[in-house]
Amino acid sequence: SSSLALSTRRIVKMRGGGAGSAGNAQAIKVYYGDMPFWRAECVRIALHIGDIPFEDVRDWAEGQKFATFGALPVMSVNGMVLSQTQAMATYVGKLAGLYPEDSWLAAKHDEAINGCTDVTGTIAGTMRIQDEKEKVKTRAALINPDGRLTLHLSGLEKILAENGSNGATVGDSLTVADLAIWRLAGWLSSGLLDGLPKGYVTDPTSAHRFPAIAKLFATVEAHEGVISWKRANPNSYPVS
């Protein structure tokens, strides 16, 4: 994959020859900050894997000009704006061939995306706590066996287990939901969120134990398209 750095925006070009690029003449822009948060990253990577060119605009102020509901990410397609992660994930998933054709599997896919949103909302509620000790205490309660974050993650775990714990959300091939859960799990397990232990979700030996999510994380991490995206974005994915 190749990309051209243009301050806070990049033109992400096709890797060439992919099915997603056939007949595609759409001008797509994705607006978000310069960070690999799952809400935007699953959209960016889906377009990348589908060989669909897009402008990666990492400028929060510019994106806010188009924020239908006052929040990012948003995307524009031939000048028309689309917001809400679920809508964008479905749209780019269909473009890139990373969305289920079966109606039931599509519904389960969307359910998982919305589960990721629930997790995010639970963590976001702790971001407003100013006292660091209180914040850590609150998050520790969230990851207890009866905690709200445990409840939400157990919901995602159940969806993956119902699919056979095969490293995919639905079916047996990569979807946008897989990319969303992969980045969500990476964020929660990064060690950067005080109160959440490093490897919290992604470590299969973690005391908190979400084995199906950990399996999905490892599977997506090894995907060729994900590896090439990470290699093209070293600021977001520094080599440890």
Protein backbone atom coordinates (compact mmCIF):
# COMPACT_ATOMS: atom_id res chain seq x y z
CA SER A 1 0.00 0.00 0.00
CA SER A 2 1.18 3.49 -0.66
CA SER A 3 0.01 6.78 0.79
CA LEU A 4 0.92 10.42 0.28
CA ALA A 5 1.34 12.53 3.43
CA LEU A 6 -0.36 15.91 3.18
CA SER A 7 -0.11 17.47 6.65
CA THR A 8 -3.17 16.16 8.47
CA ARG A 9 -4.72 14.52 5.43
CA ARG A 10 -3.53 11.65 3.30
CA ILE A 11 -4.60 10.26 -0.01
CA VAL A 12 -4.75 6.51 0.48
CA LYS A 13 -4.29 4.88 -2.89
CA MET A 14 -5.37 1.49 -4.14
CA ARG A 15 -2.97 -1.38 -3.70
CA GLY A 16 -4.10 -2.38 -7.17
CA GLY A 17 -6.40 -4.93 -8.73
CA GLY A 18 -8.71 -5.57 -5.77
CA ALA A 19 -12.36 -6.39 -6.26
CA GLY A 20 -13.36 -3.31 -4.32
CA SER A 21 -11.78 -1.00 -6.87
CA ALA A 22 -13.62 -2.34 -9.89
CA GLY A 23 -15.83 0.35 -11.32
CA ASN A 24 -15.37 2.54 -8.27
CA ALA A 25 -15.39 6.24 -9.12
CA GLN A 26 -16.53 7.59 -5.78
CA ALA A 27 -14.71 10.41 -4.03
CA ILE A 28 -14.54 9.25 -0.42
CA LYS A 29 -13.21 11.19 2.55
CA VAL A 30 -13.00 9.94 6.14
CA TYR A 31 -12.79 12.61 8.86
CA TYR A 32 -11.41 11.94 12.33
CA GLY A 33 -8.47 12.79 14.57
CA ASP A 34 -4.97 11.42 14.13
CA MET A 35 -5.53 8.29 16.20
CA PRO A 36 -6.39 4.66 15.53
CA PHE A 37 -9.61 4.59 17.56
CA TRP A 38 -11.93 1.79 16.47
CA ARG A 39 -14.82 4.00 15.31
CA ALA A 40 -12.80 5.50 12.47
CA GLU A 41 -10.13 2.83 12.11
CA CYS A 42 -12.52 0.04 11.14
CA VAL A 43 -13.80 2.27 8.33
CA ARG A 44 -10.32 3.26 7.16
CA ILE A 45 -8.96 -0.28 7.18
CA ALA A 46 -12.02 -1.72 5.45
CA LEU A 47 -11.50 0.73 2.58
CA HIS A 48 -7.79 -0.12 2.56
CA ILE A 49 -8.40 -3.87 2.42
CA GLY A 50 -11.03 -3.39 -0.27
CA ASP A 51 -8.55 -1.42 -2.40
CA ILE A 52 -10.91 1.56 -2.39
CA PRO A 53 -9.07 4.91 -2.54
CA PHE A 54 -10.06 7.52 -0.01
CA GLU A 55 -8.82 10.72 1.54
CA ASP A 56 -7.84 10.16 5.17
CA VAL A 57 -8.51 13.56 6.73
CA ARG A 58 -7.08 13.60 10.26
CA ASP A 59 -8.22 17.06 11.18
CA TRP A 60 -10.76 17.30 13.99
CA ALA A 61 -11.77 20.90 13.30
CA GLU A 62 -12.36 20.26 9.61
CA GLY A 63 -14.37 17.13 10.35
CA GLN A 64 -16.61 19.00 12.77
CA LYS A 65 -17.84 21.12 9.87
CA PHE A 66 -19.63 18.03 8.57
CA ALA A 67 -20.60 16.37 11.87
CA THR A 68 -24.33 15.77 11.47
CA PHE A 69 -24.74 14.82 15.12
CA GLY A 70 -21.85 16.89 16.45
CA ALA A 71 -19.44 13.96 16.70
CA LEU A 72 -16.77 12.24 14.60
CA PRO A 73 -16.00 10.18 12.64
CA VAL A 74 -17.95 11.17 9.57
CA MET A 75 -17.34 10.42 5.93
CA SER A 76 -18.32 12.06 2.68
CA VAL A 77 -19.07 10.27 -0.57
CA ASN A 78 -19.16 12.48 -3.64
CA GLY A 79 -19.87 15.40 -1.31
CA MET A 80 -22.71 13.67 0.57
CA VAL A 81 -22.15 13.20 4.30
CA LEU A 82 -22.64 9.99 6.27
CA SER A 83 -22.24 9.82 10.04
CA GLN A 84 -22.67 7.24 12.82
CA THR A 85 -20.19 4.37 13.01
CA GLN A 86 -22.81 1.69 12.34
CA ALA A 87 -23.95 3.32 9.10
CA MET A 88 -20.40 3.93 7.88
CA ALA A 89 -19.30 0.38 8.77
CA THR A 90 -22.20 -1.09 6.83
CA TYR A 91 -21.60 1.15 3.83
CA VAL A 92 -17.87 0.55 3.50
CA GLY A 93 -18.30 -3.12 4.37
CA LYS A 94 -20.57 -3.57 1.36
CA LEU A 95 -18.20 -1.61 -0.87
CA ALA A 96 -15.18 -3.63 0.25
CA GLY A 97 -16.83 -7.04 0.36
CA LEU A 98 -16.45 -7.17 4.14
CA TYR A 99 -20.13 -7.33 5.06
CA PRO A 100 -22.35 -10.44 5.23
CA GLU A 101 -24.83 -11.06 2.43
CA ASP A 102 -27.01 -13.26 4.63
CA SER A 103 -29.64 -11.17 6.45
CA TRP A 104 -29.24 -12.89 9.82
CA LEU A 105 -25.46 -12.70 9.75
CA ALA A 106 -25.69 -9.05 8.74
CA ALA A 107 -27.91 -8.38 11.76
CA LYS A 108 -25.45 -10.18 14.08
CA HIS A 109 -22.60 -8.20 12.53
CA ASP A 110 -24.44 -4.94 13.26
CA GLU A 111 -25.25 -6.14 16.78
CA ALA A 112 -21.53 -6.57 17.44
CA ILE A 113 -20.74 -3.07 16.15
CA ASN A 114 -23.35 -1.64 18.49
CA GLY A 115 -21.89 -3.71 21.31
CA CYS A 116 -18.59 -1.94 20.70
CA THR A 117 -20.43 1.36 21.04
CA ASP A 118 -21.84 0.23 24.40
CA VAL A 119 -18.34 -0.58 25.63
CA THR A 120 -17.09 2.81 24.50
CA GLY A 121 -19.93 4.61 26.24
CA THR A 122 -19.16 2.83 29.50
CA ILE A 123 -15.49 3.85 29.38
CA ALA A 124 -16.36 7.37 28.22
CA GLY A 125 -18.37 7.85 31.39
CA THR A 126 -15.16 7.50 33.42
CA MET A 127 -13.23 10.03 31.35
CA ARG A 128 -15.06 12.88 33.05
CA ILE A 129 -13.85 11.86 36.51
CA GLN A 130 -11.18 14.39 37.49
CA ASP A 131 -9.78 12.63 40.56
CA GLU A 132 -7.37 9.95 39.29
CA LYS A 133 -7.81 7.65 42.30
CA GLU A 134 -11.56 7.80 41.92
CA LYS A 135 -11.26 7.11 38.20
CA VAL A 136 -9.14 3.99 38.79
CA LYS A 137 -11.54 2.82 41.50
CA THR A 138 -14.52 3.29 39.20
CA ARG A 139 -12.88 1.37 36.35
CA ALA A 140 -11.85 -1.42 38.71
CA ALA A 141 -15.52 -1.82 39.60
CA LEU A 142 -16.44 -1.93 35.90
CA ILE A 143 -14.18 -4.94 35.28
CA ASN A 144 -15.34 -6.90 38.31
CA PRO A 145 -17.29 -10.09 37.46
CA ASP A 146 -20.54 -8.17 37.98
CA GLY A 147 -19.25 -4.91 36.46
CA ARG A 148 -20.86 -3.11 33.56
CA LEU A 149 -17.82 -3.39 31.28
CA THR A 150 -17.69 -7.12 31.98
CA LEU A 151 -21.37 -7.29 31.02
CA HIS A 152 -20.79 -5.54 27.69
CA LEU A 153 -17.68 -7.53 26.80
CA SER A 154 -19.43 -10.75 27.76
CA GLY A 155 -22.08 -9.83 25.19
CA LEU A 156 -19.43 -9.58 22.46
CA GLU A 157 -17.85 -12.80 23.75
CA LYS A 158 -21.22 -14.55 23.45
CA ILE A 159 -21.70 -13.41 19.84
CA LEU A 160 -18.24 -14.72 18.93
CA ALA A 161 -18.78 -17.98 20.82
CA GLU A 162 -22.07 -18.54 18.99
CA ASN A 163 -20.04 -18.32 15.78
CA GLY A 164 -17.74 -21.09 16.98
CA SER A 165 -15.00 -18.93 18.52
CA ASN A 166 -13.24 -19.18 15.16
CA GLY A 167 -11.64 -15.74 15.15
CA ALA A 168 -14.51 -14.09 13.27
CA THR A 169 -17.66 -12.29 14.38
CA VAL A 170 -19.87 -14.00 11.83
CA GLY A 171 -19.10 -16.64 9.24
CA ASP A 172 -15.47 -17.52 8.67
CA SER A 173 -14.04 -14.52 6.82
CA LEU A 174 -13.05 -10.98 7.76
CA THR A 175 -15.77 -8.37 8.25
CA VAL A 176 -15.81 -4.76 9.41
CA ALA A 177 -17.09 -5.94 12.80
CA ASP A 178 -13.89 -7.96 13.22
CA LEU A 179 -11.85 -4.82 12.58
CA ALA A 180 -13.95 -2.87 15.08
CA ILE A 181 -13.60 -5.47 17.84
CA TRP A 182 -9.88 -5.84 17.11
CA ARG A 183 -9.23 -2.14 17.62
CA LEU A 184 -11.60 -1.90 20.59
CA ALA A 185 -9.81 -4.80 22.28
CA GLY A 186 -6.42 -3.27 21.50
CA TRP A 187 -7.49 0.01 23.10
CA LEU A 188 -8.85 -1.65 26.24
CA SER A 189 -5.72 -3.80 26.56
CA SER A 190 -3.15 -1.12 25.79
CA GLY A 191 -2.30 -0.34 29.39
CA LEU A 192 -3.01 3.33 28.65
CA LEU A 193 -6.38 3.34 30.41
CA ASP A 194 -5.65 3.63 34.12
CA GLY A 195 -7.47 0.92 36.01
CA LEU A 196 -7.54 -1.55 33.12
CA PRO A 197 -4.62 -4.01 33.15
CA LYS A 198 -2.41 -4.37 30.08
CA GLY A 199 -3.64 -7.32 28.04
CA TYR A 200 -7.03 -7.06 29.76
CA VAL A 201 -8.95 -8.46 26.78
CA THR A 202 -6.30 -9.57 24.28
CA ASP A 203 -4.23 -11.83 26.54
CA PRO A 204 -5.77 -15.33 26.43
CA THR A 205 -4.24 -16.05 29.85
CA SER A 206 -5.81 -12.94 31.43
CA ALA A 207 -7.63 -13.53 34.69
CA HIS A 208 -10.62 -11.76 33.13
CA ARG A 209 -10.80 -14.33 30.32
CA PHE A 210 -12.50 -13.39 27.08
CA PRO A 211 -11.03 -16.22 24.96
CA ALA A 212 -13.16 -15.70 21.85
CA ILE A 213 -12.30 -11.99 21.75
CA ALA A 214 -8.61 -12.82 22.28
CA LYS A 215 -8.81 -15.33 19.41
CA LEU A 216 -10.40 -12.75 17.12
CA PHE A 217 -7.76 -10.19 18.09
CA ALA A 218 -4.93 -12.57 17.16
CA THR A 219 -6.64 -13.55 13.90
CA VAL A 220 -7.19 -9.98 12.73
CA GLU A 221 -3.72 -8.96 13.88
CA ALA A 222 -2.26 -11.55 11.47
CA HIS A 223 -4.38 -10.48 8.47
CA GLU A 224 -2.25 -9.33 5.53
CA GLY A 225 -4.36 -6.22 4.94
CA VAL A 226 -4.15 -5.21 8.59
CA ILE A 227 -0.40 -5.77 8.63
CA SER A 228 0.07 -3.57 5.54
CA TRP A 229 -2.12 -0.83 7.06
CA LYS A 230 -0.11 -0.85 10.28
CA ARG A 231 3.12 -0.72 8.29
CA ALA A 232 1.83 2.34 6.39
CA ASN A 233 0.82 4.07 9.64
CA PRO A 234 3.82 3.79 12.00
CA ASN A 235 2.72 6.74 14.12
CA SER A 236 -0.41 4.85 15.12
CA TYR A 237 1.30 1.47 15.32
CA PRO A 238 4.92 1.95 16.46
CA VAL A 239 7.08 -1.14 16.30
CA SER A 240 7.74 -2.27 19.86
